[in-house]
Amino acid sequence: MSDYILFEPSKHPLYEEYNQDYLYIFKENKLMVVKDNEKYHVPRRDTIDELNVDLINFQCIGAYDGHNCFCGEITDNINSNSIDFVDLRTYSKYVDEETYLLSSKALLLLNWLKSNQYCGRCGSKMERKEDGNDRAMVCPNCGNIVWPKTAPAIIVAVTKGDKLLLAHNRQFPEGMYSVLAGFVELGETFEQCVKREVFEETGIKVKNIKYFGSQPWPFPNSMMIGYTAEYLEGEIREDKDEIIHADWFSKEEIPGKYRQSISIGSRLIKWFLENH
């Protein structure tokens, strides 16, 4: 496929060059990487073969830039100075967004596979759907079919003139803030979710809700839908359940208060810093 679309999703290999396959191998949700000075690389097939490890939940996820991509897990210990295991948040600091998204896709598929080993309808052992190119788990007993699912969530940068609404979540490290986010309820539009989440967590009402972008987020299986919005009315009133503190911050007050990364939350804050 051309440079227009670098990744081709497929549950079957699309290319023949076996040794150059990319293998996204995880151990306890940490990605196996090859260390090269200050850089991390996803191992190729020949590297994994040399390690002589047993792969479980192994599956093809497609092809990237003309090379097949697979994902799987290991339980073996690896004794190699060139091999390490890193969580995806750490990995994201060393690679570009396209490379990071591939690792996210791999972990999302593995989590889906592990979470659907048994039928939710009758309890029988599920099997992978072998025919066709659509990825699914099938119950051989009752015929129940489960496709990969992702949980939509909104994340929004709310502005009030030259200030940005940031919040400190109970789970954040001390002193760290971010824009607001939350999962979409059943039967709720993304825009309705933006209004509800902002109001529930801070007591603020918003207007002029505009789409910003999206990003898969494998913690554990989310699709973050990014928006910008403007202050309408209300005074900040933290819910004290998730949000411990929220406030309006000028661009001069923001540096050092958020974790810079390739996450869409970080991108929304950078958008504010560059445009206000």
C-alpha atoms as a PDB file:
ATOM      1  CA  MET A   1       0.000   0.000   0.000  1.00  0.00           C
ATOM      2  CA  SER A   2       1.205   3.564  -0.649  1.00  0.00           C
ATOM      3  CA  ASP A   3       2.468   6.119   1.850  1.00  0.00           C
ATOM      4  CA  TYR A   4      -1.132   7.357   2.064  1.00  0.00           C
ATOM      5  CA  ILE A   5      -2.002   4.465   4.429  1.00  0.00           C
ATOM      6  CA  LEU A   6       1.043   2.901   6.093  1.00  0.00           C
ATOM      7  CA  PHE A   7      -0.825   0.356   8.233  1.00  0.00           C
ATOM      8  CA  GLU A   8      -2.987  -2.345   6.613  1.00  0.00           C
ATOM      9  CA  PRO A   9      -5.178  -4.191   9.157  1.00  0.00           C
ATOM     10  CA  SER A  10      -5.435  -7.933   8.562  1.00  0.00           C
ATOM     11  CA  LYS A  11      -5.638 -11.113  10.607  1.00  0.00           C
ATOM     12  CA  HIS A  12      -3.590 -12.899   7.933  1.00  0.00           C
ATOM     13  CA  PRO A  13       0.007 -12.113   6.824  1.00  0.00           C
ATOM     14  CA  LEU A  14       0.109  -9.897   3.720  1.00  0.00           C
ATOM     15  CA  TYR A  15       3.800 -10.147   2.817  1.00  0.00           C
ATOM     16  CA  GLU A  16       6.308 -12.976   2.429  1.00  0.00           C
ATOM     17  CA  GLU A  17       9.520 -11.645   4.021  1.00  0.00           C
ATOM     18  CA  TYR A  18       9.296 -13.696   7.225  1.00  0.00           C
ATOM     19  CA  ASN A  19      12.435 -12.560   9.073  1.00  0.00           C
ATOM     20  CA  GLN A  20      11.494  -8.867   8.900  1.00  0.00           C
ATOM     21  CA  ASP A  21       8.058  -9.251  10.523  1.00  0.00           C
ATOM     22  CA  TYR A  22       7.462  -6.853  13.420  1.00  0.00           C
ATOM     23  CA  LEU A  23       6.578  -8.709  16.635  1.00  0.00           C
ATOM     24  CA  TYR A  24       4.844  -6.792  19.424  1.00  0.00           C
ATOM     25  CA  ILE A  25       5.456  -9.092  22.361  1.00  0.00           C
ATOM     26  CA  PHE A  26       4.185  -8.280  25.836  1.00  0.00           C
ATOM     27  CA  LYS A  27       4.924  -9.597  29.296  1.00  0.00           C
ATOM     28  CA  GLU A  28       2.552  -8.425  32.027  1.00  0.00           C
ATOM     29  CA  ASN A  29       1.401  -5.588  29.731  1.00  0.00           C
ATOM     30  CA  LYS A  30       4.968  -4.389  29.134  1.00  0.00           C
ATOM     31  CA  LEU A  31       6.306  -4.307  25.580  1.00  0.00           C
ATOM     32  CA  MET A  32       9.463  -6.167  24.619  1.00  0.00           C
ATOM     33  CA  VAL A  33      11.951  -3.780  23.011  1.00  0.00           C
ATOM     34  CA  VAL A  34      15.460  -3.980  21.611  1.00  0.00           C
ATOM     35  CA  LYS A  35      17.702  -1.367  23.212  1.00  0.00           C
ATOM     36  CA  ASP A  36      20.050   0.565  20.955  1.00  0.00           C
ATOM     37  CA  ASN A  37      21.861   3.277  22.935  1.00  0.00           C
ATOM     38  CA  GLU A  38      19.067   5.723  23.854  1.00  0.00           C
ATOM     39  CA  LYS A  39      16.543   4.251  21.408  1.00  0.00           C
ATOM     40  CA  TYR A  40      13.973   1.458  21.599  1.00  0.00           C
ATOM     41  CA  HIS A  41      12.980  -0.739  18.650  1.00  0.00           C
ATOM     42  CA  VAL A  42      10.272  -3.364  18.270  1.00  0.00           C
ATOM     43  CA  PRO A  43      12.013  -6.694  17.574  1.00  0.00           C
ATOM     44  CA  ARG A  44      11.806  -8.394  14.196  1.00  0.00           C
ATOM     45  CA  ARG A  45      10.877 -12.044  13.741  1.00  0.00           C
ATOM     46  CA  ASP A  46      14.480 -13.285  13.502  1.00  0.00           C
ATOM     47  CA  THR A  47      15.300 -11.715  16.890  1.00  0.00           C
ATOM     48  CA  ILE A  48      12.372 -13.468  18.576  1.00  0.00           C
ATOM     49  CA  ASP A  49      13.295 -16.777  16.943  1.00  0.00           C
ATOM     50  CA  GLU A  50      16.808 -16.496  18.387  1.00  0.00           C
ATOM     51  CA  LEU A  51      15.388 -16.039  21.893  1.00  0.00           C
ATOM     52  CA  ASN A  52      13.573 -19.398  21.583  1.00  0.00           C
ATOM     53  CA  VAL A  53      10.569 -18.417  23.706  1.00  0.00           C
ATOM     54  CA  ASP A  54       7.007 -19.752  23.745  1.00  0.00           C
ATOM     55  CA  LEU A  55       4.467 -17.256  22.398  1.00  0.00           C
ATOM     56  CA  ILE A  56       0.866 -17.307  23.612  1.00  0.00           C
ATOM     57  CA  ASN A  57      -2.231 -15.505  22.275  1.00  0.00           C
ATOM     58  CA  PHE A  58      -0.224 -15.004  19.087  1.00  0.00           C
ATOM     59  CA  GLN A  59      -2.054 -13.283  16.222  1.00  0.00           C
ATOM     60  CA  CYS A  60      -1.413 -11.246  13.098  1.00  0.00           C
ATOM     61  CA  ILE A  61      -2.595  -7.640  13.356  1.00  0.00           C
ATOM     62  CA  GLY A  62      -1.783  -6.518   9.799  1.00  0.00           C
ATOM     63  CA  ALA A  63       1.188  -4.951   8.052  1.00  0.00           C
ATOM     64  CA  TYR A  64       3.122  -1.715   8.460  1.00  0.00           C
ATOM     65  CA  ASP A  65       5.122  -0.164   5.628  1.00  0.00           C
ATOM     66  CA  GLY A  66       5.264  -3.477   3.778  1.00  0.00           C
ATOM     67  CA  HIS A  67       6.115  -5.698   6.769  1.00  0.00           C
ATOM     68  CA  ASN A  68       3.766  -8.076   8.596  1.00  0.00           C
ATOM     69  CA  CYS A  69       2.952  -7.249  12.222  1.00  0.00           C
ATOM     70  CA  PHE A  70       2.104  -9.783  14.925  1.00  0.00           C
ATOM     71  CA  CYS A  71       1.375  -9.554  18.629  1.00  0.00           C
ATOM     72  CA  GLY A  72       1.589 -12.046  21.447  1.00  0.00           C
ATOM     73  CA  GLU A  73       2.675 -12.639  25.018  1.00  0.00           C
ATOM     74  CA  ILE A  74       5.385 -14.527  26.849  1.00  0.00           C
ATOM     75  CA  THR A  75       5.854 -15.704  30.409  1.00  0.00           C
ATOM     76  CA  ASP A  76       9.520 -16.674  29.999  1.00  0.00           C
ATOM     77  CA  ASN A  77      12.331 -14.683  31.574  1.00  0.00           C
ATOM     78  CA  ILE A  78      14.721 -13.173  29.032  1.00  0.00           C
ATOM     79  CA  ASN A  79      18.433 -13.046  29.787  1.00  0.00           C
ATOM     80  CA  SER A  80      19.750 -10.544  27.266  1.00  0.00           C
ATOM     81  CA  ASN A  81      21.482  -7.199  27.700  1.00  0.00           C
ATOM     82  CA  SER A  82      19.845  -5.908  24.528  1.00  0.00           C
ATOM     83  CA  ILE A  83      16.253  -6.821  25.458  1.00  0.00           C
ATOM     84  CA  ASP A  84      14.069  -4.858  27.856  1.00  0.00           C
ATOM     85  CA  PHE A  85      10.364  -4.557  28.736  1.00  0.00           C
ATOM     86  CA  VAL A  86       8.747  -1.141  29.017  1.00  0.00           C
ATOM     87  CA  ASP A  87       5.222   0.083  29.692  1.00  0.00           C
ATOM     88  CA  LEU A  88       3.611   1.933  26.794  1.00  0.00           C
ATOM     89  CA  ARG A  89       3.632   5.296  28.558  1.00  0.00           C
ATOM     90  CA  THR A  90       7.420   5.062  28.820  1.00  0.00           C
ATOM     91  CA  TYR A  91       7.706   3.754  25.266  1.00  0.00           C
ATOM     92  CA  SER A  92       5.734   6.734  23.943  1.00  0.00           C
ATOM     93  CA  LYS A  93       8.527   9.084  25.017  1.00  0.00           C
ATOM     94  CA  TYR A  94      11.010   7.472  22.629  1.00  0.00           C
ATOM     95  CA  VAL A  95       8.988   6.941  19.442  1.00  0.00           C
ATOM     96  CA  ASP A  96       6.780   8.848  17.004  1.00  0.00           C
ATOM     97  CA  GLU A  97       2.991   8.723  17.244  1.00  0.00           C
ATOM     98  CA  GLU A  98       2.516   6.237  14.374  1.00  0.00           C
ATOM     99  CA  THR A  99       4.901   3.752  16.008  1.00  0.00           C
ATOM    100  CA  TYR A 100       3.225   4.213  19.369  1.00  0.00           C
ATOM    101  CA  LEU A 101      -0.256   3.656  17.917  1.00  0.00           C
ATOM    102  CA  LEU A 102       0.860   0.307  16.487  1.00  0.00           C
ATOM    103  CA  SER A 103       1.962  -0.868  19.925  1.00  0.00           C
ATOM    104  CA  SER A 104      -1.369   0.363  21.322  1.00  0.00           C
ATOM    105  CA  LYS A 105      -3.258  -1.629  18.690  1.00  0.00           C
ATOM    106  CA  ALA A 106      -1.306  -4.747  19.629  1.00  0.00           C
ATOM    107  CA  LEU A 107      -2.078  -4.409  23.336  1.00  0.00           C
ATOM    108  CA  LEU A 108      -5.739  -3.601  22.646  1.00  0.00           C
ATOM    109  CA  LEU A 109      -6.127  -6.806  20.619  1.00  0.00           C
ATOM    110  CA  LEU A 110      -4.373  -8.894  23.256  1.00  0.00           C
ATOM    111  CA  ASN A 111      -6.583  -7.486  26.021  1.00  0.00           C
ATOM    112  CA  TRP A 112      -9.680  -8.188  23.908  1.00  0.00           C
ATOM    113  CA  LEU A 113      -8.552 -11.775  23.255  1.00  0.00           C
ATOM    114  CA  LYS A 114      -7.833 -12.460  26.936  1.00  0.00           C
ATOM    115  CA  SER A 115     -11.126 -10.890  28.055  1.00  0.00           C
ATOM    116  CA  ASN A 116     -13.231 -13.091  25.771  1.00  0.00           C
ATOM    117  CA  GLN A 117     -11.957 -16.592  26.431  1.00  0.00           C
ATOM    118  CA  TYR A 118     -15.418 -17.739  27.538  1.00  0.00           C
ATOM    119  CA  CYS A 119     -18.852 -17.011  26.139  1.00  0.00           C
ATOM    120  CA  GLY A 120     -20.779 -14.375  28.051  1.00  0.00           C
ATOM    121  CA  ARG A 121     -24.043 -16.041  27.036  1.00  0.00           C
ATOM    122  CA  CYS A 122     -23.520 -19.743  27.862  1.00  0.00           C
ATOM    123  CA  GLY A 123     -20.040 -19.939  29.434  1.00  0.00           C
ATOM    124  CA  SER A 124     -18.491 -22.213  26.788  1.00  0.00           C
ATOM    125  CA  LYS A 125     -14.891 -21.861  25.628  1.00  0.00           C
ATOM    126  CA  MET A 126     -14.676 -19.366  22.754  1.00  0.00           C
ATOM    127  CA  GLU A 127     -12.783 -19.954  19.506  1.00  0.00           C
ATOM    128  CA  ARG A 128     -11.202 -17.524  17.065  1.00  0.00           C
ATOM    129  CA  LYS A 129     -13.144 -16.971  13.855  1.00  0.00           C
ATOM    130  CA  GLU A 130     -10.952 -18.457  11.129  1.00  0.00           C
ATOM    131  CA  ASP A 131     -12.812 -17.707   7.889  1.00  0.00           C
ATOM    132  CA  GLY A 132     -12.806 -14.296   6.235  1.00  0.00           C
ATOM    133  CA  ASN A 133     -10.776 -11.288   7.340  1.00  0.00           C
ATOM    134  CA  ASP A 134     -13.047  -9.973  10.094  1.00  0.00           C
ATOM    135  CA  ARG A 135     -11.641 -10.582  13.574  1.00  0.00           C
ATOM    136  CA  ALA A 136     -14.021 -12.185  16.073  1.00  0.00           C
ATOM    137  CA  MET A 137     -14.394 -14.786  18.796  1.00  0.00           C
ATOM    138  CA  VAL A 138     -17.132 -17.369  18.215  1.00  0.00           C
ATOM    139  CA  CYS A 139     -18.879 -19.668  20.675  1.00  0.00           C
ATOM    140  CA  PRO A 140     -19.098 -23.189  19.145  1.00  0.00           C
ATOM    141  CA  ASN A 141     -21.974 -24.049  21.479  1.00  0.00           C
ATOM    142  CA  CYS A 142     -24.514 -21.215  21.072  1.00  0.00           C
ATOM    143  CA  GLY A 143     -23.069 -19.291  18.116  1.00  0.00           C
ATOM    144  CA  ASN A 144     -22.468 -16.058  20.067  1.00  0.00           C
ATOM    145  CA  ILE A 145     -20.000 -13.791  18.201  1.00  0.00           C
ATOM    146  CA  VAL A 146     -17.857 -11.119  19.884  1.00  0.00           C
ATOM    147  CA  TRP A 147     -15.929  -8.565  17.848  1.00  0.00           C
ATOM    148  CA  PRO A 148     -13.194  -6.321  19.236  1.00  0.00           C
ATOM    149  CA  LYS A 149     -14.707  -3.427  21.150  1.00  0.00           C
ATOM    150  CA  THR A 150     -13.383  -0.090  22.258  1.00  0.00           C
ATOM    151  CA  ALA A 151     -14.849   2.187  24.911  1.00  0.00           C
ATOM    152  CA  PRO A 152     -15.373   5.764  23.661  1.00  0.00           C
ATOM    153  CA  ALA A 153     -14.363   8.562  25.993  1.00  0.00           C
ATOM    154  CA  ILE A 154     -14.242  12.321  25.521  1.00  0.00           C
ATOM    155  CA  ILE A 155     -11.382  14.608  26.502  1.00  0.00           C
ATOM    156  CA  VAL A 156     -11.894  18.357  26.306  1.00  0.00           C
ATOM    157  CA  ALA A 157      -9.969  21.619  26.582  1.00  0.00           C
ATOM    158  CA  VAL A 158     -12.323  24.249  28.048  1.00  0.00           C
ATOM    159  CA  THR A 159     -11.224  27.853  27.618  1.00  0.00           C
ATOM    160  CA  LYS A 160     -12.390  31.048  29.300  1.00  0.00           C
ATOM    161  CA  GLY A 161     -10.847  33.961  27.474  1.00  0.00           C
ATOM    162  CA  ASP A 162      -7.086  33.554  27.829  1.00  0.00           C
ATOM    163  CA  LYS A 163      -7.308  30.787  30.455  1.00  0.00           C
ATOM    164  CA  LEU A 164      -7.637  26.988  30.335  1.00  0.00           C
ATOM    165  CA  LEU A 165      -9.593  24.768  32.725  1.00  0.00           C
ATOM    166  CA  LEU A 166      -7.282  22.159  34.259  1.00  0.00           C
ATOM    167  CA  ALA A 167      -8.009  19.646  36.992  1.00  0.00           C
ATOM    168  CA  HIS A 168      -6.062  17.513  39.437  1.00  0.00           C
ATOM    169  CA  ASN A 169      -7.469  13.982  39.500  1.00  0.00           C
ATOM    170  CA  ARG A 170      -7.243  11.916  42.675  1.00  0.00           C
ATOM    171  CA  GLN A 171      -5.008   9.410  40.835  1.00  0.00           C
ATOM    172  CA  PHE A 172      -2.529  12.010  39.519  1.00  0.00           C
ATOM    173  CA  PRO A 173       0.922  12.613  41.016  1.00  0.00           C
ATOM    174  CA  GLU A 174       1.058  15.624  43.318  1.00  0.00           C
ATOM    175  CA  GLY A 175       1.056  18.907  41.422  1.00  0.00           C
ATOM    176  CA  MET A 176       0.025  17.378  38.076  1.00  0.00           C
ATOM    177  CA  TYR A 177      -3.024  18.599  36.142  1.00  0.00           C
ATOM    178  CA  SER A 178      -4.791  17.749  32.903  1.00  0.00           C
ATOM    179  CA  VAL A 179      -7.842  18.621  30.839  1.00  0.00           C
ATOM    180  CA  LEU A 180     -11.120  16.899  31.701  1.00  0.00           C
ATOM    181  CA  ALA A 181     -12.079  13.467  30.348  1.00  0.00           C
ATOM    182  CA  GLY A 182     -14.708  10.784  30.866  1.00  0.00           C
ATOM    183  CA  PHE A 183     -16.415   7.769  29.331  1.00  0.00           C
ATOM    184  CA  VAL A 184     -19.447   8.101  27.063  1.00  0.00           C
ATOM    185  CA  GLU A 185     -22.682   6.701  28.484  1.00  0.00           C
ATOM    186  CA  LEU A 186     -24.967   4.381  26.492  1.00  0.00           C
ATOM    187  CA  GLY A 187     -27.157   6.348  24.080  1.00  0.00           C
ATOM    188  CA  GLU A 188     -25.168   9.555  24.634  1.00  0.00           C
ATOM    189  CA  THR A 189     -23.586  11.656  21.873  1.00  0.00           C
ATOM    190  CA  PHE A 190     -19.999  12.782  22.259  1.00  0.00           C
ATOM    191  CA  GLU A 191     -21.144  16.397  22.574  1.00  0.00           C
ATOM    192  CA  GLN A 192     -23.637  15.503  25.289  1.00  0.00           C
ATOM    193  CA  CYS A 193     -20.873  13.676  27.099  1.00  0.00           C
ATOM    194  CA  VAL A 194     -18.646  16.777  26.948  1.00  0.00           C
ATOM    195  CA  LYS A 195     -21.382  18.859  28.592  1.00  0.00           C
ATOM    196  CA  ARG A 196     -22.174  16.250  31.243  1.00  0.00           C
ATOM    197  CA  GLU A 197     -18.592  15.384  32.222  1.00  0.00           C
ATOM    198  CA  VAL A 198     -17.476  19.007  32.543  1.00  0.00           C
ATOM    199  CA  PHE A 199     -20.580  19.911  34.573  1.00  0.00           C
ATOM    200  CA  GLU A 200     -20.429  16.814  36.811  1.00  0.00           C
ATOM    201  CA  GLU A 201     -16.743  17.192  37.601  1.00  0.00           C
ATOM    202  CA  THR A 202     -16.443  20.987  37.911  1.00  0.00           C
ATOM    203  CA  GLY A 203     -19.927  22.578  37.832  1.00  0.00           C
ATOM    204  CA  ILE A 204     -19.016  24.502  34.663  1.00  0.00           C
ATOM    205  CA  LYS A 205     -21.369  24.792  31.650  1.00  0.00           C
ATOM    206  CA  VAL A 206     -19.808  25.024  28.168  1.00  0.00           C
ATOM    207  CA  LYS A 207     -20.673  26.133  24.625  1.00  0.00           C
ATOM    208  CA  ASN A 208     -19.142  26.046  21.098  1.00  0.00           C
ATOM    209  CA  ILE A 209     -18.072  22.406  21.372  1.00  0.00           C
ATOM    210  CA  LYS A 210     -15.757  21.568  18.462  1.00  0.00           C
ATOM    211  CA  TYR A 211     -14.078  18.327  17.392  1.00  0.00           C
ATOM    212  CA  PHE A 212     -10.282  18.322  17.828  1.00  0.00           C
ATOM    213  CA  GLY A 213      -9.021  14.793  17.093  1.00  0.00           C
ATOM    214  CA  SER A 214      -8.939  11.209  18.364  1.00  0.00           C
ATOM    215  CA  GLN A 215      -6.495   8.662  19.738  1.00  0.00           C
ATOM    216  CA  PRO A 216      -6.689   4.989  20.724  1.00  0.00           C
ATOM    217  CA  TRP A 217      -5.702   4.592  24.365  1.00  0.00           C
ATOM    218  CA  PRO A 218      -4.983   1.027  25.555  1.00  0.00           C
ATOM    219  CA  PHE A 219      -5.482   1.631  29.283  1.00  0.00           C
ATOM    220  CA  PRO A 220      -7.309  -0.647  28.997  1.00  0.00           C
ATOM    221  CA  ASN A 221      -9.345  -0.277  25.770  1.00  0.00           C
ATOM    222  CA  SER A 222     -10.421   3.309  25.155  1.00  0.00           C
ATOM    223  CA  MET A 223     -10.853   5.577  22.145  1.00  0.00           C
ATOM    224  CA  MET A 224     -10.266   9.156  23.234  1.00  0.00           C
ATOM    225  CA  ILE A 225     -12.362  11.688  21.277  1.00  0.00           C
ATOM    226  CA  GLY A 226     -10.880  15.150  21.715  1.00  0.00           C
ATOM    227  CA  TYR A 227     -12.852  18.422  21.777  1.00  0.00           C
ATOM    228  CA  THR A 228     -12.415  22.079  22.522  1.00  0.00           C
ATOM    229  CA  ALA A 229     -15.155  24.107  24.207  1.00  0.00           C
ATOM    230  CA  GLU A 230     -15.733  27.575  25.634  1.00  0.00           C
ATOM    231  CA  TYR A 231     -16.953  28.625  29.052  1.00  0.00           C
ATOM    232  CA  LEU A 232     -20.665  29.464  29.220  1.00  0.00           C
ATOM    233  CA  GLU A 233     -21.469  29.949  32.900  1.00  0.00           C
ATOM    234  CA  GLY A 234     -20.980  28.617  36.393  1.00  0.00           C
ATOM    235  CA  GLU A 235     -18.473  28.625  39.239  1.00  0.00           C
ATOM    236  CA  ILE A 236     -15.949  25.841  39.761  1.00  0.00           C
ATOM    237  CA  ARG A 237     -17.269  23.200  42.139  1.00  0.00           C
ATOM    238  CA  GLU A 238     -15.106  20.080  42.185  1.00  0.00           C
ATOM    239  CA  ASP A 239     -16.917  16.770  42.605  1.00  0.00           C
ATOM    240  CA  LYS A 240     -14.290  15.693  45.218  1.00  0.00           C
ATOM    241  CA  ASP A 241     -14.764  12.114  43.986  1.00  0.00           C
ATOM    242  CA  GLU A 242     -12.454  12.126  40.978  1.00  0.00           C
ATOM    243  CA  ILE A 243     -11.474  15.794  40.843  1.00  0.00           C
ATOM    244  CA  ILE A 244      -9.689  17.138  43.907  1.00  0.00           C
ATOM    245  CA  HIS A 245      -8.910  20.588  42.545  1.00  0.00           C
ATOM    246  CA  ALA A 246      -9.743  22.498  39.341  1.00  0.00           C
ATOM    247  CA  ASP A 247      -8.964  26.046  38.278  1.00  0.00           C
ATOM    248  CA  TRP A 248      -8.452  28.393  35.350  1.00  0.00           C
ATOM    249  CA  PHE A 249      -4.789  28.699  34.304  1.00  0.00           C
ATOM    250  CA  SER A 250      -3.105  31.237  32.041  1.00  0.00           C
ATOM    251  CA  LYS A 251      -0.469  30.025  29.570  1.00  0.00           C
ATOM    252  CA  GLU A 252       2.266  31.372  31.859  1.00  0.00           C
ATOM    253  CA  GLU A 253       0.975  29.231  34.751  1.00  0.00           C
ATOM    254  CA  ILE A 254       0.712  25.924  32.862  1.00  0.00           C
ATOM    255  CA  PRO A 255       4.324  24.772  32.155  1.00  0.00           C
ATOM    256  CA  GLY A 256       5.354  22.151  34.696  1.00  0.00           C
ATOM    257  CA  LYS A 257       1.772  21.294  35.632  1.00  0.00           C
ATOM    258  CA  TYR A 258       1.180  18.607  32.992  1.00  0.00           C
ATOM    259  CA  ARG A 259       2.980  15.564  31.623  1.00  0.00           C
ATOM    260  CA  GLN A 260       4.264  16.312  28.111  1.00  0.00           C
ATOM    261  CA  SER A 261       3.732  13.311  25.836  1.00  0.00           C
ATOM    262  CA  ILE A 262       2.138  12.264  22.560  1.00  0.00           C
ATOM    263  CA  SER A 263      -1.215  11.765  24.315  1.00  0.00           C
ATOM    264  CA  ILE A 264      -4.173  13.723  22.997  1.00  0.00           C
ATOM    265  CA  GLY A 265      -4.520  15.353  26.419  1.00  0.00           C
ATOM    266  CA  SER A 266      -1.034  16.790  26.078  1.00  0.00           C
ATOM    267  CA  ARG A 267      -1.832  17.857  22.495  1.00  0.00           C
ATOM    268  CA  LEU A 268      -4.909  19.751  23.672  1.00  0.00           C
ATOM    269  CA  ILE A 269      -2.864  21.664  26.239  1.00  0.00           C
ATOM    270  CA  LYS A 270      -0.198  22.434  23.625  1.00  0.00           C
ATOM    271  CA  TRP A 271      -2.962  23.681  21.304  1.00  0.00           C
ATOM    272  CA  PHE A 272      -4.027  26.156  23.989  1.00  0.00           C
ATOM    273  CA  LEU A 273      -0.461  27.292  24.655  1.00  0.00           C
ATOM    274  CA  GLU A 274       0.159  27.910  20.958  1.00  0.00           C
ATOM    275  CA  ASN A 275      -3.136  29.649  20.204  1.00  0.00           C
ATOM    276  CA  HIS A 276      -3.895  31.805  23.237  1.00  0.00           C
END
